[in-house]
Amino acid sequence: MNGTLVENLKTAGGLAEWDESREALTKTFDFDSFEQCQAFVQSVGKYADSKDHHPEWETKNGGTSISVRLTSHFAGN
């Protein structure tokens, strides 16, 4: 990812508990139920779409965990 973008996010405290690499930022979110996880996906999906950014994600553990991967179009994905 773009080094300046990552540094700006770090300064703002926005990378807490995210794993970072040159290719992407990743994080897994765990929920108590399938319904809570799906509500999270819907909420983030609407926001991401409004910003024309579409995270990659997959559910695990019967749909109660979601792993999110963020990349930047500006840094060649």
PDB file of N, CA and C in Angstrom:
ATOM      1  N   MET A   1       0.836  -1.187   0.000  1.00  0.00           N
ATOM      2  CA  MET A   1       0.000   0.000   0.000  1.00  0.00           C
ATOM      3  C   MET A   1       0.873   1.239   0.000  1.00  0.00           C
ATOM      4  N   ASN A   2       0.273   2.323  -0.354  1.00  0.00           N
ATOM      5  CA  ASN A   2       0.961   3.598  -0.384  1.00  0.00           C
ATOM      6  C   ASN A   2       1.493   3.933   1.003  1.00  0.00           C
ATOM      7  N   GLY A   3       2.813   4.118   1.132  1.00  0.00           N
ATOM      8  CA  GLY A   3       3.437   4.371   2.427  1.00  0.00           C
ATOM      9  C   GLY A   3       2.892   5.594   3.134  1.00  0.00           C
ATOM     10  N   THR A   4       2.653   6.681   2.409  1.00  0.00           N
ATOM     11  CA  THR A   4       2.129   7.899   3.023  1.00  0.00           C
ATOM     12  C   THR A   4       0.728   7.667   3.581  1.00  0.00           C
ATOM     13  N   LEU A   5      -0.109   6.963   2.853  1.00  0.00           N
ATOM     14  CA  LEU A   5      -1.458   6.662   3.312  1.00  0.00           C
ATOM     15  C   LEU A   5      -1.420   5.849   4.603  1.00  0.00           C
ATOM     16  N   VAL A   6      -0.583   4.836   4.639  1.00  0.00           N
ATOM     17  CA  VAL A   6      -0.464   4.000   5.834  1.00  0.00           C
ATOM     18  C   VAL A   6       0.048   4.823   7.008  1.00  0.00           C
ATOM     19  N   GLU A   7       1.028   5.670   6.790  1.00  0.00           N
ATOM     20  CA  GLU A   7       1.553   6.514   7.875  1.00  0.00           C
ATOM     21  C   GLU A   7       0.489   7.478   8.379  1.00  0.00           C
ATOM     22  N   ASN A   8      -0.304   8.053   7.487  1.00  0.00           N
ATOM     23  CA  ASN A   8      -1.385   8.951   7.902  1.00  0.00           C
ATOM     24  C   ASN A   8      -2.415   8.209   8.739  1.00  0.00           C
ATOM     25  N   LEU A   9      -2.760   6.986   8.332  1.00  0.00           N
ATOM     26  CA  LEU A   9      -3.705   6.192   9.109  1.00  0.00           C
ATOM     27  C   LEU A   9      -3.146   5.851  10.489  1.00  0.00           C
ATOM     28  N   LYS A  10      -1.871   5.522  10.544  1.00  0.00           N
ATOM     29  CA  LYS A  10      -1.233   5.211  11.829  1.00  0.00           C
ATOM     30  C   LYS A  10      -1.285   6.418  12.756  1.00  0.00           C
ATOM     31  N   THR A  11      -0.947   7.574  12.227  1.00  0.00           N
ATOM     32  CA  THR A  11      -0.943   8.800  13.020  1.00  0.00           C
ATOM     33  C   THR A  11      -2.327   9.095  13.582  1.00  0.00           C
ATOM     34  N   ALA A  12      -3.356   8.803  12.811  1.00  0.00           N
ATOM     35  CA  ALA A  12      -4.727   9.047  13.242  1.00  0.00           C
ATOM     36  C   ALA A  12      -5.264   7.923  14.133  1.00  0.00           C
ATOM     37  N   GLY A  13      -4.459   6.893  14.368  1.00  0.00           N
ATOM     38  CA  GLY A  13      -4.896   5.780  15.207  1.00  0.00           C
ATOM     39  C   GLY A  13      -5.807   4.809  14.491  1.00  0.00           C
ATOM     40  N   GLY A  14      -5.834   4.859  13.175  1.00  0.00           N
ATOM     41  CA  GLY A  14      -6.762   4.029  12.418  1.00  0.00           C
ATOM     42  C   GLY A  14      -6.306   2.629  12.095  1.00  0.00           C
ATOM     43  N   LEU A  15      -5.115   2.219  12.509  1.00  0.00           N
ATOM     44  CA  LEU A  15      -4.635   0.881  12.176  1.00  0.00           C
ATOM     45  C   LEU A  15      -4.571  -0.040  13.390  1.00  0.00           C
ATOM     46  N   ALA A  16      -5.187   0.354  14.481  1.00  0.00           N
ATOM     47  CA  ALA A  16      -5.152  -0.488  15.677  1.00  0.00           C
ATOM     48  C   ALA A  16      -5.649  -1.891  15.342  1.00  0.00           C
ATOM     49  N   GLU A  17      -4.840  -2.862  15.648  1.00  0.00           N
ATOM     50  CA  GLU A  17      -5.156  -4.280  15.473  1.00  0.00           C
ATOM     51  C   GLU A  17      -5.261  -4.730  14.019  1.00  0.00           C
ATOM     52  N   TRP A  18      -4.853  -3.926  13.078  1.00  0.00           N
ATOM     53  CA  TRP A  18      -4.803  -4.349  11.679  1.00  0.00           C
ATOM     54  C   TRP A  18      -3.416  -4.893  11.392  1.00  0.00           C
ATOM     55  N   ASP A  19      -3.341  -5.948  10.576  1.00  0.00           N
ATOM     56  CA  ASP A  19      -2.065  -6.458  10.088  1.00  0.00           C
ATOM     57  C   ASP A  19      -1.762  -5.706   8.808  1.00  0.00           C
ATOM     58  N   GLU A  20      -0.530  -5.267   8.672  1.00  0.00           N
ATOM     59  CA  GLU A  20      -0.196  -4.514   7.468  1.00  0.00           C
ATOM     60  C   GLU A  20       0.960  -5.158   6.721  1.00  0.00           C
ATOM     61  N   SER A  21       0.912  -5.020   5.446  1.00  0.00           N
ATOM     62  CA  SER A  21       2.002  -5.444   4.577  1.00  0.00           C
ATOM     63  C   SER A  21       2.044  -4.463   3.421  1.00  0.00           C
ATOM     64  N   ARG A  22       2.950  -4.674   2.520  1.00  0.00           N
ATOM     65  CA  ARG A  22       3.027  -3.789   1.363  1.00  0.00           C
ATOM     66  C   ARG A  22       1.835  -4.007   0.431  1.00  0.00           C
ATOM     67  N   GLU A  23       1.187  -5.167   0.518  1.00  0.00           N
ATOM     68  CA  GLU A  23       0.108  -5.476  -0.405  1.00  0.00           C
ATOM     69  C   GLU A  23      -1.271  -5.100   0.114  1.00  0.00           C
ATOM     70  N   ALA A  24      -1.474  -5.146   1.454  1.00  0.00           N
ATOM     71  CA  ALA A  24      -2.831  -4.945   1.962  1.00  0.00           C
ATOM     72  C   ALA A  24      -2.835  -4.751   3.468  1.00  0.00           C
ATOM     73  N   LEU A  25      -3.983  -4.280   3.967  1.00  0.00           N
ATOM     74  CA  LEU A  25      -4.263  -4.261   5.397  1.00  0.00           C
ATOM     75  C   LEU A  25      -5.312  -5.340   5.631  1.00  0.00           C
ATOM     76  N   THR A  26      -5.139  -6.150   6.673  1.00  0.00           N
ATOM     77  CA  THR A  26      -6.094  -7.217   6.944  1.00  0.00           C
ATOM     78  C   THR A  26      -6.473  -7.236   8.419  1.00  0.00           C
ATOM     79  N   LYS A  27      -7.693  -7.680   8.678  1.00  0.00           N
ATOM     80  CA  LYS A  27      -8.173  -7.807  10.049  1.00  0.00           C
ATOM     81  C   LYS A  27      -9.361  -8.760  10.065  1.00  0.00           C
ATOM     82  N   THR A  28      -9.470  -9.544  11.142  1.00  0.00           N
ATOM     83  CA  THR A  28     -10.619 -10.420  11.330  1.00  0.00           C
ATOM     84  C   THR A  28     -11.473  -9.876  12.460  1.00  0.00           C
ATOM     85  N   PHE A  29     -12.759  -9.798  12.204  1.00  0.00           N
ATOM     86  CA  PHE A  29     -13.731  -9.333  13.195  1.00  0.00           C
ATOM     87  C   PHE A  29     -14.586 -10.530  13.617  1.00  0.00           C
ATOM     88  N   ASP A  30     -14.760 -10.718  14.918  1.00  0.00           N
ATOM     89  CA  ASP A  30     -15.558 -11.816  15.451  1.00  0.00           C
ATOM     90  C   ASP A  30     -16.832 -11.272  16.088  1.00  0.00           C
ATOM     91  N   PHE A  31     -17.943 -11.964  15.845  1.00  0.00           N
ATOM     92  CA  PHE A  31     -19.246 -11.552  16.361  1.00  0.00           C
ATOM     93  C   PHE A  31     -19.884 -12.702  17.130  1.00  0.00           C
ATOM     94  N   ASP A  32     -20.859 -12.375  17.946  1.00  0.00           N
ATOM     95  CA  ASP A  32     -21.554 -13.386  18.740  1.00  0.00           C
ATOM     96  C   ASP A  32     -22.551 -14.195  17.928  1.00  0.00           C
ATOM     97  N   SER A  33     -22.992 -13.647  16.789  1.00  0.00           N
ATOM     98  CA  SER A  33     -23.990 -14.358  15.993  1.00  0.00           C
ATOM     99  C   SER A  33     -23.808 -14.064  14.504  1.00  0.00           C
ATOM    100  N   PHE A  34     -24.406 -14.926  13.704  1.00  0.00           N
ATOM    101  CA  PHE A  34     -24.436 -14.748  12.255  1.00  0.00           C
ATOM    102  C   PHE A  34     -25.106 -13.423  11.901  1.00  0.00           C
ATOM    103  N   GLU A  35     -26.204 -13.120  12.591  1.00  0.00           N
ATOM    104  CA  GLU A  35     -26.962 -11.899  12.304  1.00  0.00           C
ATOM    105  C   GLU A  35     -26.128 -10.645  12.558  1.00  0.00           C
ATOM    106  N   GLN A  36     -25.350 -10.633  13.642  1.00  0.00           N
ATOM    107  CA  GLN A  36     -24.488  -9.479  13.936  1.00  0.00           C
ATOM    108  C   GLN A  36     -23.424  -9.313  12.854  1.00  0.00           C
ATOM    109  N   CYS A  37     -22.850 -10.423  12.434  1.00  0.00           N
ATOM    110  CA  CYS A  37     -21.821 -10.370  11.392  1.00  0.00           C
ATOM    111  C   CYS A  37     -22.413  -9.845  10.088  1.00  0.00           C
ATOM    112  N   GLN A  38     -23.590 -10.315   9.725  1.00  0.00           N
ATOM    113  CA  GLN A  38     -24.225  -9.870   8.489  1.00  0.00           C
ATOM    114  C   GLN A  38     -24.618  -8.399   8.547  1.00  0.00           C
ATOM    115  N   ALA A  39     -25.043  -7.923   9.713  1.00  0.00           N
ATOM    116  CA  ALA A  39     -25.358  -6.498   9.869  1.00  0.00           C
ATOM    117  C   ALA A  39     -24.104  -5.654   9.663  1.00  0.00           C
ATOM    118  N   PHE A  40     -22.965  -6.134  10.180  1.00  0.00           N
ATOM    119  CA  PHE A  40     -21.678  -5.450   9.987  1.00  0.00           C
ATOM    120  C   PHE A  40     -21.340  -5.384   8.493  1.00  0.00           C
ATOM    121  N   VAL A  41     -21.474  -6.518   7.804  1.00  0.00           N
ATOM    122  CA  VAL A  41     -21.177  -6.571   6.369  1.00  0.00           C
ATOM    123  C   VAL A  41     -22.055  -5.590   5.600  1.00  0.00           C
ATOM    124  N   GLN A  42     -23.344  -5.553   5.906  1.00  0.00           N
ATOM    125  CA  GLN A  42     -24.251  -4.649   5.211  1.00  0.00           C
ATOM    126  C   GLN A  42     -23.892  -3.191   5.465  1.00  0.00           C
ATOM    127  N   SER A  43     -23.583  -2.869   6.709  1.00  0.00           N
ATOM    128  CA  SER A  43     -23.240  -1.494   7.070  1.00  0.00           C
ATOM    129  C   SER A  43     -21.950  -1.047   6.392  1.00  0.00           C
ATOM    130  N   VAL A  44     -20.923  -1.861   6.494  1.00  0.00           N
ATOM    131  CA  VAL A  44     -19.640  -1.514   5.869  1.00  0.00           C
ATOM    132  C   VAL A  44     -19.780  -1.504   4.352  1.00  0.00           C
ATOM    133  N   GLY A  45     -20.547  -2.442   3.817  1.00  0.00           N
ATOM    134  CA  GLY A  45     -20.741  -2.502   2.366  1.00  0.00           C
ATOM    135  C   GLY A  45     -21.365  -1.241   1.804  1.00  0.00           C
ATOM    136  N   LYS A  46     -22.377  -0.721   2.481  1.00  0.00           N
ATOM    137  CA  LYS A  46     -23.015   0.518   2.026  1.00  0.00           C
ATOM    138  C   LYS A  46     -22.042   1.690   2.071  1.00  0.00           C
ATOM    139  N   TYR A  47     -21.292   1.791   3.170  1.00  0.00           N
ATOM    140  CA  TYR A  47     -20.319   2.879   3.293  1.00  0.00           C
ATOM    141  C   TYR A  47     -19.228   2.751   2.233  1.00  0.00           C
ATOM    142  N   ALA A  48     -18.683   1.549   2.085  1.00  0.00           N
ATOM    143  CA  ALA A  48     -17.610   1.329   1.112  1.00  0.00           C
ATOM    144  C   ALA A  48     -18.078   1.661  -0.303  1.00  0.00           C
ATOM    145  N   ASP A  49     -19.294   1.259  -0.633  1.00  0.00           N
ATOM    146  CA  ASP A  49     -19.813   1.539  -1.964  1.00  0.00           C
ATOM    147  C   ASP A  49     -19.959   3.037  -2.190  1.00  0.00           C
ATOM    148  N   SER A  50     -20.361   3.776  -1.145  1.00  0.00           N
ATOM    149  CA  SER A  50     -20.495   5.229  -1.286  1.00  0.00           C
ATOM    150  C   SER A  50     -19.148   5.900  -1.519  1.00  0.00           C
ATOM    151  N   LYS A  51     -18.062   5.251  -1.111  1.00  0.00           N
ATOM    152  CA  LYS A  51     -16.705   5.785  -1.296  1.00  0.00           C
ATOM    153  C   LYS A  51     -16.019   5.163  -2.507  1.00  0.00           C
ATOM    154  N   ASP A  52     -16.765   4.323  -3.261  1.00  0.00           N
ATOM    155  CA  ASP A  52     -16.229   3.615  -4.427  1.00  0.00           C
ATOM    156  C   ASP A  52     -15.000   2.792  -4.061  1.00  0.00           C
ATOM    157  N   HIS A  53     -15.083   2.125  -2.915  1.00  0.00           N
ATOM    158  CA  HIS A  53     -14.021   1.228  -2.466  1.00  0.00           C
ATOM    159  C   HIS A  53     -14.683  -0.060  -2.021  1.00  0.00           C
ATOM    160  N   HIS A  54     -14.161  -1.166  -2.468  1.00  0.00           N
ATOM    161  CA  HIS A  54     -14.822  -2.433  -2.219  1.00  0.00           C
ATOM    162  C   HIS A  54     -13.837  -3.419  -1.602  1.00  0.00           C
ATOM    163  N   PRO A  55     -13.957  -3.608  -0.285  1.00  0.00           N
ATOM    164  CA  PRO A  55     -13.032  -4.518   0.402  1.00  0.00           C
ATOM    165  C   PRO A  55     -13.263  -5.964  -0.031  1.00  0.00           C
ATOM    166  N   GLU A  56     -12.214  -6.755   0.109  1.00  0.00           N
ATOM    167  CA  GLU A  56     -12.347  -8.193  -0.091  1.00  0.00           C
ATOM    168  C   GLU A  56     -12.607  -8.788   1.285  1.00  0.00           C
ATOM    169  N   TRP A  57     -13.558  -9.714   1.386  1.00  0.00           N
ATOM    170  CA  TRP A  57     -13.814 -10.329   2.673  1.00  0.00           C
ATOM    171  C   TRP A  57     -14.375 -11.726   2.513  1.00  0.00           C
ATOM    172  N   GLU A  58     -14.212 -12.501   3.585  1.00  0.00           N
ATOM    173  CA  GLU A  58     -14.789 -13.835   3.607  1.00  0.00           C
ATOM    174  C   GLU A  58     -15.231 -14.150   5.030  1.00  0.00           C
ATOM    175  N   THR A  59     -16.353 -14.860   5.120  1.00  0.00           N
ATOM    176  CA  THR A  59     -16.847 -15.245   6.438  1.00  0.00           C
ATOM    177  C   THR A  59     -16.284 -16.608   6.820  1.00  0.00           C
ATOM    178  N   LYS A  60     -16.183 -16.817   8.124  1.00  0.00           N
ATOM    179  CA  LYS A  60     -15.670 -18.068   8.680  1.00  0.00           C
ATOM    180  C   LYS A  60     -16.483 -18.408   9.923  1.00  0.00           C
ATOM    181  N   ASN A  61     -16.224 -19.565  10.483  1.00  0.00           N
ATOM    182  CA  ASN A  61     -16.851 -19.986  11.745  1.00  0.00           C
ATOM    183  C   ASN A  61     -18.374 -19.901  11.693  1.00  0.00           C
ATOM    184  N   GLY A  62     -18.949 -20.469  10.653  1.00  0.00           N
ATOM    185  CA  GLY A  62     -20.405 -20.465  10.542  1.00  0.00           C
ATOM    186  C   GLY A  62     -21.001 -19.092  10.312  1.00  0.00           C
ATOM    187  N   GLY A  63     -20.192 -18.171   9.784  1.00  0.00           N
ATOM    188  CA  GLY A  63     -20.675 -16.823   9.491  1.00  0.00           C
ATOM    189  C   GLY A  63     -20.618 -15.872  10.662  1.00  0.00           C
ATOM    190  N   THR A  64     -19.863 -16.223  11.717  1.00  0.00           N
ATOM    191  CA  THR A  64     -19.743 -15.319  12.864  1.00  0.00           C
ATOM    192  C   THR A  64     -18.427 -14.544  12.877  1.00  0.00           C
ATOM    193  N   SER A  65     -17.520 -14.855  11.956  1.00  0.00           N
ATOM    194  CA  SER A  65     -16.256 -14.120  11.815  1.00  0.00           C
ATOM    195  C   SER A  65     -16.126 -13.665  10.376  1.00  0.00           C
ATOM    196  N   ILE A  66     -15.513 -12.514  10.200  1.00  0.00           N
ATOM    197  CA  ILE A  66     -15.263 -12.018   8.846  1.00  0.00           C
ATOM    198  C   ILE A  66     -13.841 -11.495   8.757  1.00  0.00           C
ATOM    199  N   SER A  67     -13.123 -11.959   7.754  1.00  0.00           N
ATOM    200  CA  SER A  67     -11.764 -11.490   7.490  1.00  0.00           C
ATOM    201  C   SER A  67     -11.842 -10.458   6.378  1.00  0.00           C
ATOM    202  N   VAL A  68     -11.275  -9.285   6.636  1.00  0.00           N
ATOM    203  CA  VAL A  68     -11.348  -8.158   5.702  1.00  0.00           C
ATOM    204  C   VAL A  68      -9.956  -7.863   5.173  1.00  0.00           C
ATOM    205  N   ARG A  69      -9.863  -7.618   3.876  1.00  0.00           N
ATOM    206  CA  ARG A  69      -8.597  -7.254   3.227  1.00  0.00           C
ATOM    207  C   ARG A  69      -8.821  -5.952   2.468  1.00  0.00           C
ATOM    208  N   LEU A  70      -8.018  -4.939   2.790  1.00  0.00           N
ATOM    209  CA  LEU A  70      -8.113  -3.634   2.129  1.00  0.00           C
ATOM    210  C   LEU A  70      -6.870  -3.385   1.285  1.00  0.00           C
ATOM    211  N   THR A  71      -7.098  -2.927   0.083  1.00  0.00           N
ATOM    212  CA  THR A  71      -6.004  -2.536  -0.807  1.00  0.00           C
ATOM    213  C   THR A  71      -6.325  -1.156  -1.359  1.00  0.00           C
ATOM    214  N   SER A  72      -5.392  -0.594  -2.107  1.00  0.00           N
ATOM    215  CA  SER A  72      -5.595   0.725  -2.697  1.00  0.00           C
ATOM    216  C   SER A  72      -5.443   0.656  -4.212  1.00  0.00           C
ATOM    217  N   HIS A  73      -6.441   1.179  -4.925  1.00  0.00           N
ATOM    218  CA  HIS A  73      -6.338   1.265  -6.382  1.00  0.00           C
ATOM    219  C   HIS A  73      -5.193   2.192  -6.779  1.00  0.00           C
ATOM    220  N   PHE A  74      -4.879   3.143  -5.921  1.00  0.00           N
ATOM    221  CA  PHE A  74      -3.851   4.131  -6.229  1.00  0.00           C
ATOM    222  C   PHE A  74      -2.453   3.566  -6.080  1.00  0.00           C
ATOM    223  N   ALA A  75      -2.321   2.417  -5.425  1.00  0.00           N
ATOM    224  CA  ALA A  75      -1.009   1.793  -5.255  1.00  0.00           C
ATOM    225  C   ALA A  75      -0.937   0.489  -6.044  1.00  0.00           C
ATOM    226  N   GLY A  76      -1.686   0.393  -7.111  1.00  0.00           N
ATOM    227  CA  GLY A  76      -1.666  -0.806  -7.946  1.00  0.00           C
ATOM    228  C   GLY A  76      -2.282  -2.014  -7.254  1.00  0.00           C
ATOM    229  N   ASN A  77      -3.261  -1.749  -6.392  1.00  0.00           N
ATOM    230  CA  ASN A  77      -3.933  -2.776  -5.598  1.00  0.00           C
ATOM    231  C   ASN A  77      -2.963  -3.447  -4.654  1.00  0.00           C
TER     232      ASN A  77
END
